[in-house]
């Protein structure tokens, strides 16, 4: 349990949960955050998420204000690199910029204490895109929470340009080999398409 940011002069009382097995009931309670935040072309289907849980390296994290989910993240452990991959992260639109995302990052740091750090993918802003764009705001959020943003290139699909976000817990440690990080992330994406027997 944590005291969250101030809302209307009162502190939010937040709790955090993590499910490492598929929990349909919990999914139904966080789905309202996930689906509107990510375009259909960028989000995994429920079946694909369930496939990832069958591989035993995926987790669903939720932030609760009372009984209401106000934030969520899906993560995957990249054991070969000792990194936690943030596959998706979302906060209720009416509660953004109030510190809930930062609290969720803080929670994930504690949850992943046996890892060397965390990584994720974010859409890269298009050249000339305004600083107020969603892509710029996402990158600023991660930078404000201790991540470095590294241009990673192109990917197939509707969001062509993307960047990696990387936060190492030991800030003196060298940056991991980005080619290996990208290959491990691709493995996660491929695993979504094939359940374990």
Protein backbone atom coordinates (compact mmCIF):
# COMPACT_ATOMS: atom_id res chain seq x y z
CA UNK A 1 0.00 0.00 0.00
CA UNK A 2 1.30 3.45 -0.86
CA UNK A 3 0.13 7.01 -0.56
CA UNK A 4 -0.22 8.27 -4.07
CA UNK A 5 -0.33 11.72 -5.54
CA UNK A 6 -2.69 14.43 -4.37
CA UNK A 7 -6.07 14.53 -6.11
CA UNK A 8 -8.37 17.39 -5.30
CA UNK A 9 -6.38 18.17 -2.14
CA UNK A 10 -6.50 14.56 -0.90
CA UNK A 11 -3.89 11.85 -1.23
CA UNK A 12 -4.87 8.77 -3.19
CA UNK A 13 -4.45 5.51 -1.31
CA UNK A 14 -3.00 3.10 -3.88
CA UNK A 15 -2.42 -0.63 -3.71
CA UNK A 16 -0.48 -2.79 -6.17
CA UNK A 17 -1.02 -6.37 -7.29
CA UNK A 18 0.91 -8.72 -9.53
CA UNK A 19 -0.46 -11.82 -11.24
CA UNK A 20 2.01 -14.27 -12.75
CA UNK A 21 -0.75 -16.65 -13.86
CA UNK A 22 -3.60 -15.65 -16.14
CA UNK A 23 -6.47 -14.29 -14.04
CA UNK A 24 -9.55 -13.65 -16.16
CA UNK A 25 -11.38 -11.77 -13.38
CA UNK A 26 -8.47 -9.37 -12.84
CA UNK A 27 -8.02 -8.92 -16.61
CA UNK A 28 -11.65 -7.86 -16.93
CA UNK A 29 -11.02 -5.21 -14.26
CA UNK A 30 -7.95 -3.68 -16.00
CA UNK A 31 -9.02 -4.15 -19.61
CA UNK A 32 -10.68 -0.69 -19.64
CA UNK A 33 -7.20 0.84 -19.21
CA UNK A 34 -5.39 -1.35 -21.75
CA UNK A 35 -7.64 -1.32 -24.80
CA UNK A 36 -8.23 2.44 -25.24
CA UNK A 37 -4.58 3.30 -24.54
CA UNK A 38 -3.07 1.17 -27.31
CA UNK A 39 -4.36 1.10 -30.89
CA UNK A 40 -5.60 -2.33 -31.97
CA UNK A 41 -2.63 -2.64 -34.35
CA UNK A 42 -0.21 -2.29 -31.41
CA UNK A 43 -1.85 -4.41 -28.75
CA UNK A 44 -1.87 -8.12 -28.22
CA UNK A 45 -5.21 -9.90 -28.20
CA UNK A 46 -6.53 -11.58 -25.07
CA UNK A 47 -5.55 -14.95 -26.56
CA UNK A 48 -1.99 -13.72 -27.18
CA UNK A 49 -1.71 -12.39 -23.62
CA UNK A 50 -2.91 -15.76 -22.32
CA UNK A 51 -0.26 -17.48 -24.48
CA UNK A 52 2.44 -15.35 -22.85
CA UNK A 53 1.27 -16.35 -19.38
CA UNK A 54 1.54 -20.01 -20.43
CA UNK A 55 5.29 -19.45 -20.96
CA UNK A 56 5.69 -18.52 -17.26
CA UNK A 57 7.68 -15.32 -17.77
CA UNK A 58 4.85 -12.80 -18.17
CA UNK A 59 3.06 -10.83 -15.45
CA UNK A 60 0.16 -8.41 -15.10
CA UNK A 61 0.57 -5.60 -12.57
CA UNK A 62 -2.30 -3.38 -11.46
CA UNK A 63 -2.59 -0.17 -9.43
CA UNK A 64 -5.80 0.13 -7.45
CA UNK A 65 -7.60 3.01 -5.84
CA UNK A 66 -9.97 1.07 -3.66
CA UNK A 67 -11.64 -1.47 -5.95
CA UNK A 68 -10.94 0.47 -9.15
CA UNK A 69 -7.92 -0.20 -11.36
CA UNK A 70 -6.23 3.13 -12.14
CA UNK A 71 -3.02 1.81 -13.68
CA UNK A 72 -1.64 -1.38 -15.19
CA UNK A 73 1.42 -2.92 -16.81
CA UNK A 74 2.28 -6.15 -18.57
CA UNK A 75 5.90 -7.22 -18.15
CA UNK A 76 8.11 -10.10 -19.24
CA UNK A 77 11.36 -11.29 -17.75
CA UNK A 78 14.26 -11.51 -20.20
CA UNK A 79 16.32 -14.03 -18.23
CA UNK A 80 19.28 -14.19 -20.64
CA UNK A 81 19.85 -10.47 -20.04
CA UNK A 82 18.47 -10.22 -16.48
CA UNK A 83 16.12 -7.45 -17.58
CA UNK A 84 12.42 -6.80 -17.07
CA UNK A 85 10.65 -5.86 -20.32
CA UNK A 86 7.73 -3.44 -19.91
CA UNK A 87 5.49 -4.62 -22.73
CA UNK A 88 2.57 -2.29 -21.92
CA UNK A 89 1.87 0.34 -19.30
CA UNK A 90 -1.22 2.51 -18.91
CA UNK A 91 -2.81 4.89 -16.41
CA UNK A 92 -6.45 6.01 -16.36
CA UNK A 93 -6.66 9.05 -18.69
CA UNK A 94 -8.30 11.28 -16.05
CA UNK A 95 -5.49 10.50 -13.58
CA UNK A 96 -2.46 11.00 -15.83
CA UNK A 97 0.23 13.48 -14.76
CA UNK A 98 -0.61 12.86 -11.10
CA UNK A 99 2.27 10.51 -10.25
CA UNK A 100 0.50 7.15 -10.61
CA UNK A 101 2.75 6.07 -13.50
CA UNK A 102 5.84 7.04 -11.50
CA UNK A 103 4.54 5.02 -8.53
CA UNK A 104 3.97 2.05 -10.83
CA UNK A 105 7.56 2.33 -12.13
CA UNK A 106 8.77 2.46 -8.51
CA UNK A 107 6.72 -0.66 -7.73
CA UNK A 108 8.17 -2.46 -10.76
CA UNK A 109 11.72 -1.57 -9.69
CA UNK A 110 11.08 -3.25 -6.33
CA UNK A 111 9.34 -6.22 -7.93
CA UNK A 112 12.24 -6.73 -10.37
CA UNK A 113 14.99 -6.37 -7.76
CA UNK A 114 16.63 -9.58 -8.99
CA UNK A 115 17.05 -8.01 -12.47
CA UNK A 116 19.76 -5.66 -13.73
CA UNK A 117 17.18 -3.17 -14.95
CA UNK A 118 14.15 -2.58 -17.14
CA UNK A 119 13.61 -2.02 -20.85
CA UNK A 120 10.69 -1.18 -23.09
CA UNK A 121 9.70 0.08 -26.52
CA UNK A 122 8.09 3.42 -27.30
CA UNK A 123 7.00 4.92 -30.58
CA UNK A 124 9.56 7.42 -31.80
CA UNK A 125 8.14 10.84 -32.66
CA UNK A 126 8.03 11.70 -36.33
CA UNK A 127 10.46 14.44 -37.40
CA UNK A 128 8.84 17.80 -36.76
CA UNK A 129 6.17 16.31 -34.49
CA UNK A 130 5.15 18.86 -31.81
CA UNK A 131 6.69 18.50 -28.35
CA UNK A 132 3.17 18.09 -26.92
CA UNK A 133 2.51 14.95 -28.97
CA UNK A 134 1.80 11.68 -27.21
CA UNK A 135 5.09 10.16 -28.43
CA UNK A 136 7.12 13.05 -26.96
CA UNK A 137 5.13 12.92 -23.69
CA UNK A 138 5.73 9.17 -23.29
CA UNK A 139 9.46 9.56 -23.83
CA UNK A 140 9.55 12.49 -21.36
CA UNK A 141 7.69 10.36 -18.78
CA UNK A 142 10.24 7.56 -19.00
CA UNK A 143 13.20 9.98 -18.95
CA UNK A 144 11.75 11.64 -15.84
CA UNK A 145 11.64 8.19 -14.25
CA UNK A 146 15.29 7.33 -14.82
CA UNK A 147 15.21 5.74 -18.29
CA UNK A 148 17.51 6.51 -21.18
CA UNK A 149 15.88 6.64 -24.61
CA UNK A 150 17.82 5.00 -27.43
CA UNK A 151 16.65 5.16 -31.06
CA UNK A 152 16.28 1.54 -32.15
CA UNK A 153 15.26 1.73 -35.78
CA UNK A 154 12.31 0.39 -37.66
CA UNK A 155 9.85 -2.41 -37.13
CA UNK A 156 7.26 -3.93 -39.42
CA UNK A 157 3.74 -2.73 -38.90
CA UNK A 158 1.91 0.55 -38.56
CA UNK A 159 4.27 2.07 -35.97
CA UNK A 160 7.46 2.03 -38.01
CA UNK A 161 9.93 3.99 -35.92
CA UNK A 162 10.53 3.13 -32.29
CA UNK A 163 12.99 3.72 -29.50
CA UNK A 164 14.12 1.55 -26.64
CA UNK A 165 13.85 2.83 -23.11
CA UNK A 166 16.44 1.44 -20.71
CA UNK A 167 16.85 1.88 -16.96
CA UNK A 168 19.70 0.04 -15.29
CA UNK A 169 19.52 -0.29 -11.52
CA UNK A 170 23.32 0.06 -11.26
CA UNK A 171 23.87 3.34 -13.08
CA UNK A 172 27.59 2.59 -13.44
CA UNK A 173 26.91 -0.64 -15.34
CA UNK A 174 27.48 -0.65 -19.10
CA UNK A 175 24.48 -0.46 -21.41
CA UNK A 176 23.39 -3.93 -22.52
CA UNK A 177 23.97 -4.99 -26.13
CA UNK A 178 20.96 -3.45 -27.85
CA UNK A 179 20.90 -6.10 -30.59
CA UNK A 180 20.50 -8.77 -27.89
CA UNK A 181 17.82 -6.73 -26.13
CA UNK A 182 15.87 -6.39 -29.38
CA UNK A 183 16.19 -10.12 -30.09
CA UNK A 184 14.88 -10.98 -26.62
CA UNK A 185 11.95 -8.58 -27.04
CA UNK A 186 11.16 -10.16 -30.43
CA UNK A 187 11.11 -13.56 -28.69
CA UNK A 188 8.43 -12.27 -26.34
CA UNK A 189 6.36 -11.00 -29.27
CA UNK A 190 6.75 -14.35 -31.08
CA UNK A 191 5.80 -16.29 -27.93
CA UNK A 192 2.47 -14.44 -27.89
CA UNK A 193 1.54 -16.25 -31.09
CA UNK A 194 2.24 -19.75 -29.79
CA UNK A 195 1.01 -21.22 -26.52
CA UNK A 196 2.95 -23.90 -24.74
CA UNK A 197 1.39 -27.34 -25.27
